[in-house]
Amino acid sequence: MVKRKDRPQDVDVYAEGGLYENINAKRQRIAKGSGEKMRKPGAPGAPTAAAFKASAKTAKR
């Protein structure tokens, strides 16, 4: 999760995070009680298998 100085502290910016960082951030928000839900595989807007494969190529090891 990337914090920007020009935005309030409670606003998260996801553009630079990557797929796994965004998933982790959402899980943390859910754990804090945000009321959000994870999308089911195959649901509109959910990451595709191709997205996971592409992110695995650029993952930090």
N, C-alpha and C. Protein backbone atom coordinates (compact mmCIF):
# COMPACT_ATOMS: atom_id res chain seq x y z
N MET A 1 0.85 -1.16 0.00
CA MET A 1 0.00 0.00 0.00
C MET A 1 0.90 1.23 0.00
N VAL A 2 0.59 2.15 -0.85
CA VAL A 2 1.40 3.34 -1.01
C VAL A 2 0.66 4.53 -0.43
N LYS A 3 1.29 5.24 0.46
CA LYS A 3 0.71 6.46 1.04
C LYS A 3 1.29 7.66 0.31
N ARG A 4 0.45 8.61 0.00
CA ARG A 4 0.92 9.83 -0.65
C ARG A 4 0.79 11.00 0.30
N LYS A 5 1.74 11.91 0.24
CA LYS A 5 1.76 13.05 1.14
C LYS A 5 0.68 14.06 0.82
N ASP A 6 0.23 14.10 -0.45
CA ASP A 6 -0.76 15.10 -0.84
C ASP A 6 -2.19 14.64 -0.60
N ARG A 7 -2.38 13.49 0.03
CA ARG A 7 -3.72 12.99 0.33
C ARG A 7 -3.85 12.73 1.83
N PRO A 8 -5.07 12.71 2.34
CA PRO A 8 -5.26 12.38 3.76
C PRO A 8 -4.74 10.98 4.07
N GLN A 9 -4.42 10.75 5.31
CA GLN A 9 -3.83 9.48 5.73
C GLN A 9 -4.75 8.28 5.51
N ASP A 10 -6.07 8.49 5.51
CA ASP A 10 -6.98 7.36 5.38
C ASP A 10 -7.25 6.97 3.93
N VAL A 11 -6.65 7.66 2.97
CA VAL A 11 -6.85 7.34 1.56
C VAL A 11 -5.66 6.51 1.09
N ASP A 12 -5.94 5.35 0.51
CA ASP A 12 -4.90 4.47 0.00
C ASP A 12 -4.81 4.62 -1.51
N VAL A 13 -3.61 4.57 -2.03
CA VAL A 13 -3.39 4.65 -3.47
C VAL A 13 -2.83 3.31 -3.90
N TYR A 14 -3.49 2.67 -4.86
CA TYR A 14 -3.13 1.30 -5.23
C TYR A 14 -2.39 1.20 -6.56
N ALA A 15 -2.20 2.28 -7.26
CA ALA A 15 -1.65 2.20 -8.61
C ALA A 15 -0.28 1.54 -8.66
N GLU A 16 0.55 1.74 -7.66
CA GLU A 16 1.90 1.22 -7.69
C GLU A 16 2.05 -0.10 -6.94
N GLY A 17 1.01 -0.55 -6.27
CA GLY A 17 1.15 -1.68 -5.38
C GLY A 17 1.32 -3.03 -6.03
N GLY A 18 0.61 -3.30 -7.06
CA GLY A 18 0.64 -4.62 -7.66
C GLY A 18 -0.48 -5.48 -7.12
N LEU A 19 -0.72 -6.57 -7.77
CA LEU A 19 -1.86 -7.43 -7.47
C LEU A 19 -1.82 -7.98 -6.05
N TYR A 20 -0.72 -8.59 -5.66
CA TYR A 20 -0.66 -9.22 -4.34
C TYR A 20 -0.71 -8.20 -3.21
N GLU A 21 -0.10 -7.04 -3.42
CA GLU A 21 -0.15 -6.00 -2.40
C GLU A 21 -1.58 -5.48 -2.24
N ASN A 22 -2.29 -5.35 -3.35
CA ASN A 22 -3.68 -4.90 -3.28
C ASN A 22 -4.57 -5.92 -2.58
N ILE A 23 -4.34 -7.20 -2.86
CA ILE A 23 -5.12 -8.25 -2.20
C ILE A 23 -4.85 -8.24 -0.70
N ASN A 24 -3.59 -8.11 -0.32
CA ASN A 24 -3.24 -8.07 1.10
C ASN A 24 -3.85 -6.85 1.78
N ALA A 25 -3.83 -5.70 1.11
CA ALA A 25 -4.41 -4.49 1.69
C ALA A 25 -5.91 -4.66 1.90
N LYS A 26 -6.58 -5.29 0.95
CA LYS A 26 -8.02 -5.49 1.09
C LYS A 26 -8.32 -6.45 2.23
N ARG A 27 -7.53 -7.50 2.36
CA ARG A 27 -7.72 -8.44 3.47
C ARG A 27 -7.55 -7.74 4.82
N GLN A 28 -6.59 -6.83 4.89
CA GLN A 28 -6.38 -6.08 6.14
C GLN A 28 -7.57 -5.16 6.42
N ARG A 29 -8.11 -4.51 5.39
CA ARG A 29 -9.28 -3.65 5.58
C ARG A 29 -10.48 -4.47 6.04
N ILE A 30 -10.65 -5.66 5.46
CA ILE A 30 -11.76 -6.53 5.84
C ILE A 30 -11.60 -6.96 7.30
N ALA A 31 -10.38 -7.29 7.69
CA ALA A 31 -10.13 -7.70 9.07
C ALA A 31 -10.43 -6.58 10.07
N LYS A 32 -10.27 -5.34 9.63
CA LYS A 32 -10.56 -4.20 10.49
C LYS A 32 -12.05 -3.87 10.52
N GLY A 33 -12.83 -4.55 9.68
CA GLY A 33 -14.28 -4.35 9.70
C GLY A 33 -14.80 -3.37 8.67
N SER A 34 -14.19 -3.32 7.50
CA SER A 34 -14.62 -2.36 6.48
C SER A 34 -15.96 -2.72 5.84
N GLY A 35 -16.37 -3.97 5.96
CA GLY A 35 -17.63 -4.40 5.35
C GLY A 35 -17.46 -4.86 3.91
N GLU A 36 -16.25 -4.77 3.37
CA GLU A 36 -15.99 -5.23 2.02
C GLU A 36 -15.96 -6.75 1.99
N LYS A 37 -16.07 -7.31 0.80
CA LYS A 37 -15.95 -8.76 0.62
C LYS A 37 -15.00 -9.03 -0.54
N MET A 38 -14.28 -10.12 -0.45
CA MET A 38 -13.42 -10.53 -1.55
C MET A 38 -14.32 -11.06 -2.67
N ARG A 39 -13.95 -10.78 -3.90
CA ARG A 39 -14.71 -11.31 -5.04
C ARG A 39 -14.40 -12.78 -5.23
N LYS A 40 -15.39 -13.52 -5.68
CA LYS A 40 -15.21 -14.94 -5.96
C LYS A 40 -14.47 -15.08 -7.29
N PRO A 41 -13.69 -16.16 -7.46
CA PRO A 41 -13.03 -16.38 -8.75
C PRO A 41 -14.05 -16.45 -9.87
N GLY A 42 -13.77 -15.74 -10.95
CA GLY A 42 -14.67 -15.71 -12.09
C GLY A 42 -15.69 -14.60 -12.05
N ALA A 43 -15.82 -13.92 -10.91
CA ALA A 43 -16.77 -12.81 -10.80
C ALA A 43 -16.24 -11.61 -11.58
N PRO A 44 -17.13 -10.77 -12.09
CA PRO A 44 -16.67 -9.57 -12.79
C PRO A 44 -15.82 -8.70 -11.87
N GLY A 45 -14.67 -8.29 -12.37
CA GLY A 45 -13.77 -7.45 -11.59
C GLY A 45 -12.76 -8.22 -10.77
N ALA A 46 -12.93 -9.52 -10.66
CA ALA A 46 -11.97 -10.34 -9.91
C ALA A 46 -10.73 -10.57 -10.79
N PRO A 47 -9.56 -10.72 -10.18
CA PRO A 47 -8.36 -10.99 -10.97
C PRO A 47 -8.50 -12.30 -11.74
N THR A 48 -8.01 -12.30 -12.95
CA THR A 48 -8.07 -13.50 -13.78
C THR A 48 -6.82 -14.35 -13.56
N ALA A 49 -6.85 -15.55 -14.09
CA ALA A 49 -5.68 -16.42 -14.00
C ALA A 49 -4.50 -15.78 -14.72
N ALA A 50 -4.78 -15.07 -15.81
CA ALA A 50 -3.71 -14.39 -16.54
C ALA A 50 -3.09 -13.28 -15.70
N ALA A 51 -3.90 -12.59 -14.91
CA ALA A 51 -3.38 -11.52 -14.05
C ALA A 51 -2.45 -12.10 -12.99
N PHE A 52 -2.81 -13.24 -12.43
CA PHE A 52 -1.95 -13.88 -11.44
C PHE A 52 -0.65 -14.36 -12.07
N LYS A 53 -0.75 -14.90 -13.28
CA LYS A 53 0.44 -15.39 -13.97
C LYS A 53 1.38 -14.23 -14.30
N ALA A 54 0.82 -13.10 -14.74
CA ALA A 54 1.64 -11.93 -15.07
C ALA A 54 2.28 -11.34 -13.82
N SER A 55 1.55 -11.33 -12.71
CA SER A 55 2.11 -10.75 -11.49
C SER A 55 3.18 -11.66 -10.89
N ALA A 56 3.10 -12.95 -11.14
CA ALA A 56 4.13 -13.87 -10.64
C ALA A 56 5.47 -13.60 -11.31
N LYS A 57 5.44 -13.11 -12.55
CA LYS A 57 6.67 -12.81 -13.27
C LYS A 57 7.40 -11.62 -12.66
N THR A 58 6.66 -10.70 -12.06
CA THR A 58 7.27 -9.48 -11.53
C THR A 58 7.32 -9.48 -10.00
N ALA A 59 6.97 -10.60 -9.38
CA ALA A 59 6.93 -10.66 -7.92
C ALA A 59 8.33 -10.52 -7.33
N LYS A 60 8.40 -9.83 -6.20
CA LYS A 60 9.67 -9.70 -5.48
C LYS A 60 9.93 -11.02 -4.78
N ARG A 61 11.10 -11.51 -4.90
CA ARG A 61 11.42 -12.81 -4.29
C ARG A 61 12.42 -12.65 -3.19
